[in-house]
PDB file of N, CA and C in Angstrom:
ATOM      1  N   MET A   1     -10.215 -18.361   4.150  1.00  0.00           N
ATOM      2  CA  MET A   1      -9.146 -17.514   3.861  1.00  0.00           C
ATOM      3  C   MET A   1     -10.041 -15.969   3.046  1.00  0.00           C
ATOM      4  N   ALA A   2      -9.592 -15.149   3.169  1.00  0.00           N
ATOM      5  CA  ALA A   2     -10.499 -13.625   2.269  1.00  0.00           C
ATOM      6  C   ALA A   2     -10.397 -13.771   1.089  1.00  0.00           C
ATOM      7  N   THR A   3     -11.074 -13.206   0.625  1.00  0.00           N
ATOM      8  CA  THR A   3     -11.224 -13.075  -0.938  1.00  0.00           C
ATOM      9  C   THR A   3     -10.458 -12.194  -1.151  1.00  0.00           C
ATOM     10  N   LYS A   4      -9.551 -12.025  -2.260  1.00  0.00           N
ATOM     11  CA  LYS A   4      -8.441 -10.648  -2.636  1.00  0.00           C
ATOM     12  C   LYS A   4      -9.427  -9.644  -3.225  1.00  0.00           C
ATOM     13  N   LYS A   5      -9.470  -8.384  -3.009  1.00  0.00           N
ATOM     14  CA  LYS A   5     -10.056  -7.614  -3.955  1.00  0.00           C
ATOM     15  C   LYS A   5      -9.042  -6.914  -4.173  1.00  0.00           C
ATOM     16  N   LYS A   6      -9.580  -6.259  -5.593  1.00  0.00           N
ATOM     17  CA  LYS A   6      -8.657  -5.506  -6.497  1.00  0.00           C
ATOM     18  C   LYS A   6      -8.858  -4.216  -6.160  1.00  0.00           C
ATOM     19  N   TYR A   7      -8.380  -3.527  -6.028  1.00  0.00           N
ATOM     20  CA  TYR A   7      -8.786  -1.821  -5.749  1.00  0.00           C
ATOM     21  C   TYR A   7      -8.035  -1.285  -7.431  1.00  0.00           C
ATOM     22  N   LYS A   8      -9.022  -0.368  -7.443  1.00  0.00           N
ATOM     23  CA  LYS A   8      -9.415   1.023  -8.639  1.00  0.00           C
ATOM     24  C   LYS A   8      -7.642   1.364  -8.869  1.00  0.00           C
ATOM     25  N   ASP A   9      -6.791   1.977  -7.800  1.00  0.00           N
ATOM     26  CA  ASP A   9      -5.593   2.500  -7.567  1.00  0.00           C
ATOM     27  C   ASP A   9      -5.257   2.163  -6.042  1.00  0.00           C
ATOM     28  N   TYR A  10      -4.181   3.079  -6.310  1.00  0.00           N
ATOM     29  CA  TYR A  10      -3.078   3.021  -5.436  1.00  0.00           C
ATOM     30  C   TYR A  10      -3.960   3.819  -4.285  1.00  0.00           C
ATOM     31  N   GLU A  11      -4.593   4.801  -4.330  1.00  0.00           N
ATOM     32  CA  GLU A  11      -5.206   6.040  -3.787  1.00  0.00           C
ATOM     33  C   GLU A  11      -6.540   5.365  -3.066  1.00  0.00           C
ATOM     34  N   SER A  12      -7.077   5.026  -3.757  1.00  0.00           N
ATOM     35  CA  SER A  12      -8.351   4.314  -3.502  1.00  0.00           C
ATOM     36  C   SER A  12      -7.881   2.874  -2.252  1.00  0.00           C
ATOM     37  N   ALA A  13      -6.973   2.243  -2.688  1.00  0.00           N
ATOM     38  CA  ALA A  13      -6.579   1.306  -1.697  1.00  0.00           C
ATOM     39  C   ALA A  13      -6.075   1.908  -0.095  1.00  0.00           C
ATOM     40  N   MET A  14      -5.248   2.883  -0.285  1.00  0.00           N
ATOM     41  CA  MET A  14      -4.895   3.799   0.978  1.00  0.00           C
ATOM     42  C   MET A  14      -5.923   4.580   1.390  1.00  0.00           C
ATOM     43  N   THR A  15      -7.302   4.744   0.930  1.00  0.00           N
ATOM     44  CA  THR A  15      -8.802   5.445   1.685  1.00  0.00           C
ATOM     45  C   THR A  15      -9.035   4.788   2.233  1.00  0.00           C
ATOM     46  N   ARG A  16      -9.190   3.209   1.303  1.00  0.00           N
ATOM     47  CA  ARG A  16      -9.809   1.996   2.248  1.00  0.00           C
ATOM     48  C   ARG A  16      -8.932   1.638   3.531  1.00  0.00           C
ATOM     49  N   LEU A  17      -7.579   1.802   3.401  1.00  0.00           N
ATOM     50  CA  LEU A  17      -6.913   1.507   4.316  1.00  0.00           C
ATOM     51  C   LEU A  17      -7.209   2.424   5.677  1.00  0.00           C
ATOM     52  N   GLU A  18      -7.077   3.823   5.277  1.00  0.00           N
ATOM     53  CA  GLU A  18      -7.371   4.965   6.194  1.00  0.00           C
ATOM     54  C   GLU A  18      -8.659   4.535   7.047  1.00  0.00           C
ATOM     55  N   GLU A  19      -9.737   4.140   6.295  1.00  0.00           N
ATOM     56  CA  GLU A  19     -11.202   3.742   7.054  1.00  0.00           C
ATOM     57  C   GLU A  19     -11.050   2.445   7.837  1.00  0.00           C
ATOM     58  N   ILE A  20     -10.246   1.610   7.174  1.00  0.00           N
ATOM     59  CA  ILE A  20     -10.028   0.310   8.329  1.00  0.00           C
ATOM     60  C   ILE A  20      -9.463   0.628   9.674  1.00  0.00           C
ATOM     61  N   THR A  21      -8.069   1.467   9.206  1.00  0.00           N
ATOM     62  CA  THR A  21      -7.441   1.677  10.226  1.00  0.00           C
ATOM     63  C   THR A  21      -8.020   2.682  11.622  1.00  0.00           C
ATOM     64  N   ASP A  22      -9.051   3.844  10.850  1.00  0.00           N
ATOM     65  CA  ASP A  22      -9.659   4.509  11.949  1.00  0.00           C
ATOM     66  C   ASP A  22     -11.085   3.698  12.554  1.00  0.00           C
ATOM     67  N   SER A  23     -11.764   2.474  12.195  1.00  0.00           N
ATOM     68  CA  SER A  23     -12.847   1.613  12.872  1.00  0.00           C
ATOM     69  C   SER A  23     -11.896   0.828  13.919  1.00  0.00           C
ATOM     70  N   LEU A  24     -10.777   0.144  13.308  1.00  0.00           N
ATOM     71  CA  LEU A  24      -9.909  -0.353  14.490  1.00  0.00           C
ATOM     72  C   LEU A  24      -9.717   0.377  15.408  1.00  0.00           C
ATOM     73  N   GLU A  25      -9.250   0.975  15.246  1.00  0.00           N
ATOM     74  CA  GLU A  25      -8.699   2.193  16.728  1.00  0.00           C
ATOM     75  C   GLU A  25     -10.084   3.048  17.314  1.00  0.00           C
ATOM     76  N   ALA A  26     -10.608   2.744  16.733  1.00  0.00           N
ATOM     77  CA  ALA A  26     -12.479   2.877  17.712  1.00  0.00           C
ATOM     78  C   ALA A  26     -12.498   1.989  18.752  1.00  0.00           C
ATOM     79  N   GLY A  27     -12.242   1.287  18.027  1.00  0.00           N
ATOM     80  CA  GLY A  27     -12.497  -0.193  18.834  1.00  0.00           C
ATOM     81  C   GLY A  27     -13.962  -0.471  19.062  1.00  0.00           C
ATOM     82  N   GLU A  28     -14.644  -0.378  18.471  1.00  0.00           N
ATOM     83  CA  GLU A  28     -16.048  -0.624  18.586  1.00  0.00           C
ATOM     84  C   GLU A  28     -16.565  -1.770  17.683  1.00  0.00           C
ATOM     85  N   ALA A  29     -15.679  -2.107  16.392  1.00  0.00           N
ATOM     86  CA  ALA A  29     -16.303  -3.509  15.955  1.00  0.00           C
ATOM     87  C   ALA A  29     -16.261  -4.745  16.699  1.00  0.00           C
ATOM     88  N   PRO A  30     -17.124  -5.524  16.772  1.00  0.00           N
ATOM     89  CA  PRO A  30     -17.048  -6.816  17.498  1.00  0.00           C
ATOM     90  C   PRO A  30     -15.673  -7.708  17.173  1.00  0.00           C
ATOM     91  N   LEU A  31     -15.140  -8.601  17.724  1.00  0.00           N
ATOM     92  CA  LEU A  31     -14.296  -9.431  17.624  1.00  0.00           C
ATOM     93  C   LEU A  31     -14.228  -9.823  16.051  1.00  0.00           C
ATOM     94  N   GLU A  32     -15.126 -10.452  15.489  1.00  0.00           N
ATOM     95  CA  GLU A  32     -15.221 -11.265  14.310  1.00  0.00           C
ATOM     96  C   GLU A  32     -15.109 -10.399  13.312  1.00  0.00           C
ATOM     97  N   ASP A  33     -15.778  -8.843  13.440  1.00  0.00           N
ATOM     98  CA  ASP A  33     -15.878  -8.135  12.460  1.00  0.00           C
ATOM     99  C   ASP A  33     -14.298  -7.415  12.082  1.00  0.00           C
ATOM    100  N   ALA A  34     -13.653  -7.149  13.226  1.00  0.00           N
ATOM    101  CA  ALA A  34     -12.064  -6.475  13.825  1.00  0.00           C
ATOM    102  C   ALA A  34     -11.248  -7.487  12.948  1.00  0.00           C
ATOM    103  N   ILE A  35     -11.535  -8.818  12.849  1.00  0.00           N
ATOM    104  CA  ILE A  35     -10.465  -9.717  12.445  1.00  0.00           C
ATOM    105  C   ILE A  35     -10.521  -9.763  11.152  1.00  0.00           C
ATOM    106  N   LYS A  36     -12.154  -9.610  10.515  1.00  0.00           N
ATOM    107  CA  LYS A  36     -11.852  -9.157   8.893  1.00  0.00           C
ATOM    108  C   LYS A  36     -11.784  -8.166   8.259  1.00  0.00           C
ATOM    109  N   LEU A  37     -11.423  -7.211   9.135  1.00  0.00           N
ATOM    110  CA  LEU A  37     -11.024  -5.569   9.040  1.00  0.00           C
ATOM    111  C   LEU A  37      -9.454  -5.611   8.820  1.00  0.00           C
ATOM    112  N   TYR A  38      -9.290  -6.518  10.157  1.00  0.00           N
ATOM    113  CA  TYR A  38      -7.502  -6.447   9.843  1.00  0.00           C
ATOM    114  C   TYR A  38      -7.146  -7.486   8.784  1.00  0.00           C
ATOM    115  N   THR A  39      -7.879  -8.425   8.311  1.00  0.00           N
ATOM    116  CA  THR A  39      -7.216  -9.478   7.235  1.00  0.00           C
ATOM    117  C   THR A  39      -7.656  -8.648   6.105  1.00  0.00           C
ATOM    118  N   GLU A  40      -8.375  -7.570   5.688  1.00  0.00           N
ATOM    119  CA  GLU A  40      -8.282  -6.884   4.916  1.00  0.00           C
ATOM    120  C   GLU A  40      -7.645  -5.821   4.755  1.00  0.00           C
ATOM    121  N   GLY A  41      -7.046  -5.304   6.142  1.00  0.00           N
ATOM    122  CA  GLY A  41      -6.087  -4.150   6.223  1.00  0.00           C
ATOM    123  C   GLY A  41      -4.670  -4.940   5.659  1.00  0.00           C
ATOM    124  N   LEU A  42      -4.204  -6.205   5.899  1.00  0.00           N
ATOM    125  CA  LEU A  42      -3.133  -6.787   5.575  1.00  0.00           C
ATOM    126  C   LEU A  42      -3.142  -6.867   4.007  1.00  0.00           C
ATOM    127  N   GLU A  43      -3.966  -7.245   3.633  1.00  0.00           N
ATOM    128  CA  GLU A  43      -4.428  -7.348   1.992  1.00  0.00           C
ATOM    129  C   GLU A  43      -3.934  -6.105   1.265  1.00  0.00           C
ATOM    130  N   ILE A  44      -4.898  -4.926   1.659  1.00  0.00           N
ATOM    131  CA  ILE A  44      -4.492  -3.995   1.405  1.00  0.00           C
ATOM    132  C   ILE A  44      -2.754  -3.206   1.261  1.00  0.00           C
ATOM    133  N   ALA A  45      -2.742  -3.548   2.376  1.00  0.00           N
ATOM    134  CA  ALA A  45      -0.934  -3.209   2.691  1.00  0.00           C
ATOM    135  C   ALA A  45      -0.074  -3.875   1.931  1.00  0.00           C
ATOM    136  N   ARG A  46      -0.298  -4.977   1.537  1.00  0.00           N
ATOM    137  CA  ARG A  46       0.748  -5.789   0.356  1.00  0.00           C
ATOM    138  C   ARG A  46       0.176  -5.217  -1.047  1.00  0.00           C
ATOM    139  N   TYR A  47      -0.960  -4.803  -0.912  1.00  0.00           N
ATOM    140  CA  TYR A  47      -1.115  -4.675  -2.028  1.00  0.00           C
ATOM    141  C   TYR A  47      -0.339  -3.401  -2.575  1.00  0.00           C
ATOM    142  N   CYS A  48      -0.560  -2.205  -1.962  1.00  0.00           N
ATOM    143  CA  CYS A  48       0.079  -1.114  -1.828  1.00  0.00           C
ATOM    144  C   CYS A  48       1.529  -1.276  -1.881  1.00  0.00           C
ATOM    145  N   ASP A  49       2.204  -2.032  -1.178  1.00  0.00           N
ATOM    146  CA  ASP A  49       3.932  -2.220  -0.988  1.00  0.00           C
ATOM    147  C   ASP A  49       4.136  -2.754  -2.316  1.00  0.00           C
ATOM    148  N   GLU A  50       3.385  -3.829  -2.861  1.00  0.00           N
ATOM    149  CA  GLU A  50       3.488  -4.095  -4.392  1.00  0.00           C
ATOM    150  C   GLU A  50       3.762  -2.854  -5.538  1.00  0.00           C
ATOM    151  N   ARG A  51       2.427  -2.122  -5.279  1.00  0.00           N
ATOM    152  CA  ARG A  51       2.286  -1.024  -6.101  1.00  0.00           C
ATOM    153  C   ARG A  51       3.461  -0.080  -6.085  1.00  0.00           C
ATOM    154  N   LEU A  52       4.243   0.380  -4.703  1.00  0.00           N
ATOM    155  CA  LEU A  52       5.312   1.328  -4.621  1.00  0.00           C
ATOM    156  C   LEU A  52       6.575   0.773  -4.873  1.00  0.00           C
ATOM    157  N   ASN A  53       6.633  -0.691  -4.778  1.00  0.00           N
ATOM    158  CA  ASN A  53       7.730  -1.217  -5.359  1.00  0.00           C
ATOM    159  C   ASN A  53       7.965  -1.122  -7.015  1.00  0.00           C
ATOM    160  N   GLU A  54       6.884  -1.930  -7.735  1.00  0.00           N
ATOM    161  CA  GLU A  54       6.856  -1.338  -8.998  1.00  0.00           C
ATOM    162  C   GLU A  54       7.196  -0.074  -9.271  1.00  0.00           C
ATOM    163  N   ALA A  55       6.792   1.193  -8.637  1.00  0.00           N
ATOM    164  CA  ALA A  55       6.770   2.442  -9.019  1.00  0.00           C
ATOM    165  C   ALA A  55       8.550   2.941  -9.018  1.00  0.00           C
ATOM    166  N   GLU A  56       9.199   2.358  -8.083  1.00  0.00           N
ATOM    167  CA  GLU A  56      10.399   2.246  -7.593  1.00  0.00           C
ATOM    168  C   GLU A  56      11.388   1.620  -9.105  1.00  0.00           C
ATOM    169  N   LYS A  57      11.154   0.589  -8.922  1.00  0.00           N
ATOM    170  CA  LYS A  57      11.867   0.025 -10.446  1.00  0.00           C
ATOM    171  C   LYS A  57      11.474   1.113 -11.291  1.00  0.00           C
ATOM    172  N   LYS A  58      10.122   1.580 -11.755  1.00  0.00           N
ATOM    173  CA  LYS A  58      10.105   2.314 -13.105  1.00  0.00           C
ATOM    174  C   LYS A  58      11.014   3.629 -12.928  1.00  0.00           C
ATOM    175  N   ILE A  59      11.171   4.136 -11.600  1.00  0.00           N
ATOM    176  CA  ILE A  59      11.824   5.151 -11.475  1.00  0.00           C
ATOM    177  C   ILE A  59      13.022   4.853 -11.966  1.00  0.00           C
ATOM    178  N   LYS A  60      13.948   3.896 -11.378  1.00  0.00           N
ATOM    179  CA  LYS A  60      15.365   3.676 -11.295  1.00  0.00           C
ATOM    180  C   LYS A  60      15.325   3.503 -13.417  1.00  0.00           C
ATOM    181  N   ILE A  61      14.595   2.587 -13.633  1.00  0.00           N
ATOM    182  CA  ILE A  61      14.498   2.262 -15.137  1.00  0.00           C
ATOM    183  C   ILE A  61      14.615   3.659 -15.727  1.00  0.00           C
ATOM    184  N   ILE A  62      13.765   4.729 -15.748  1.00  0.00           N
ATOM    185  CA  ILE A  62      13.653   5.980 -16.484  1.00  0.00           C
ATOM    186  C   ILE A  62      15.120   6.527 -15.892  1.00  0.00           C
ATOM    187  N   ALA A  63      16.049   6.538 -14.643  1.00  0.00           N
ATOM    188  CA  ALA A  63      16.857   7.290 -14.558  1.00  0.00           C
ATOM    189  C   ALA A  63      18.001   6.417 -15.511  1.00  0.00           C
ATOM    190  N   GLU A  64      17.992   5.365 -15.741  1.00  0.00           N
ATOM    191  CA  GLU A  64      18.958   4.992 -16.177  1.00  0.00           C
ATOM    192  C   GLU A  64      18.829   5.242 -17.428  1.00  0.00           C
ATOM    193  N   LYS A  65      17.201   5.301 -17.755  1.00  0.00           N
ATOM    194  CA  LYS A  65      17.810   5.716 -19.981  1.00  0.00           C
ATOM    195  C   LYS A  65      17.895   6.671 -19.684  1.00  0.00           C
ATOM    196  N   ASN A  66      17.554   8.163 -18.934  1.00  0.00           N
ATOM    197  CA  ASN A  66      18.367   9.262 -18.899  1.00  0.00           C
ATOM    198  C   ASN A  66      19.670   9.317 -18.545  1.00  0.00           C
ATOM    199  N   GLY A  67      20.540   8.277 -18.351  1.00  0.00           N
ATOM    200  CA  GLY A  67      21.833   9.046 -18.326  1.00  0.00           C
ATOM    201  C   GLY A  67      22.071   8.849 -16.585  1.00  0.00           C
ATOM    202  N   LEU A  68      21.567   8.711 -15.830  1.00  0.00           N
ATOM    203  CA  LEU A  68      21.542   9.000 -14.272  1.00  0.00           C
ATOM    204  C   LEU A  68      21.555   7.969 -13.527  1.00  0.00           C
ATOM    205  N   ARG A  69      22.807   7.312 -13.682  1.00  0.00           N
ATOM    206  CA  ARG A  69      22.778   5.967 -13.309  1.00  0.00           C
ATOM    207  C   ARG A  69      23.301   6.190 -11.755  1.00  0.00           C
ATOM    208  N   VAL A  70      21.519   6.672 -10.838  1.00  0.00           N
ATOM    209  CA  VAL A  70      22.022   6.351  -9.575  1.00  0.00           C
ATOM    210  C   VAL A  70      21.220   5.120  -8.784  1.00  0.00           C
ATOM    211  N   GLU A  71      21.903   4.570  -8.210  1.00  0.00           N
ATOM    212  CA  GLU A  71      21.749   3.602  -7.204  1.00  0.00           C
ATOM    213  C   GLU A  71      21.500   4.082  -5.630  1.00  0.00           C
ATOM    214  N   GLU A  72      20.464   4.977  -5.230  1.00  0.00           N
ATOM    215  CA  GLU A  72      20.577   5.491  -3.944  1.00  0.00           C
ATOM    216  C   GLU A  72      19.662   4.541  -3.686  1.00  0.00           C
ATOM    217  N   ASP A  73      18.986   4.393  -2.379  1.00  0.00           N
ATOM    218  CA  ASP A  73      18.062   3.825  -1.572  1.00  0.00           C
ATOM    219  C   ASP A  73      17.101   4.987  -1.499  1.00  0.00           C
ATOM    220  N   PHE A  74      15.865   4.419  -2.246  1.00  0.00           N
ATOM    221  CA  PHE A  74      14.757   4.945  -2.532  1.00  0.00           C
ATOM    222  C   PHE A  74      13.934   6.053  -0.898  1.00  0.00           C
ATOM    223  N   GLU A  75      14.391   6.732  -0.548  1.00  0.00           N
ATOM    224  CA  GLU A  75      14.027   7.392   0.533  1.00  0.00           C
ATOM    225  C   GLU A  75      12.204   7.994   0.925  1.00  0.00           C
ATOM    226  N   GLY A  76      11.696   8.308  -0.709  1.00  0.00           N
ATOM    227  CA  GLY A  76       9.885   8.537  -0.491  1.00  0.00           C
ATOM    228  C   GLY A  76       9.964   9.855  -0.568  1.00  0.00           C
ATOM    229  N   GLY A  77       9.777  10.631  -1.110  1.00  0.00           N
ATOM    230  CA  GLY A  77       9.601  11.984  -0.995  1.00  0.00           C
ATOM    231  C   GLY A  77      10.751  13.183   0.072  1.00  0.00           C
ATOM    232  N   ASN A  78      11.252  12.569   0.334  1.00  0.00           N
ATOM    233  CA  ASN A  78      12.504  13.153   0.794  1.00  0.00           C
ATOM    234  C   ASN A  78      13.726  13.750  -0.157  1.00  0.00           C
ATOM    235  N   SER A  79      13.776  15.043   0.155  1.00  0.00           N
ATOM    236  CA  SER A  79      14.730  16.002  -0.835  1.00  0.00           C
ATOM    237  C   SER A  79      15.485  16.414  -0.034  1.00  0.00           C
TER     238      SER A  79
END
């Protein structure tokens, strides 16, 4: 099983995920390396998803504290 890596922040994790995606899309990595990259990519995606969920919860808490009882689905960046 792959060792879970800690990322400095969401942005650095996304940068690494983009690097992995580019490498896999190029199709030049040997099979074993591609599997390792894919596994690392899944771990990063899980990490990023967790960070986004935490941010969404914080936004809801802040909105409730400011009297803005809004319980709409989080659409991310859409105005």
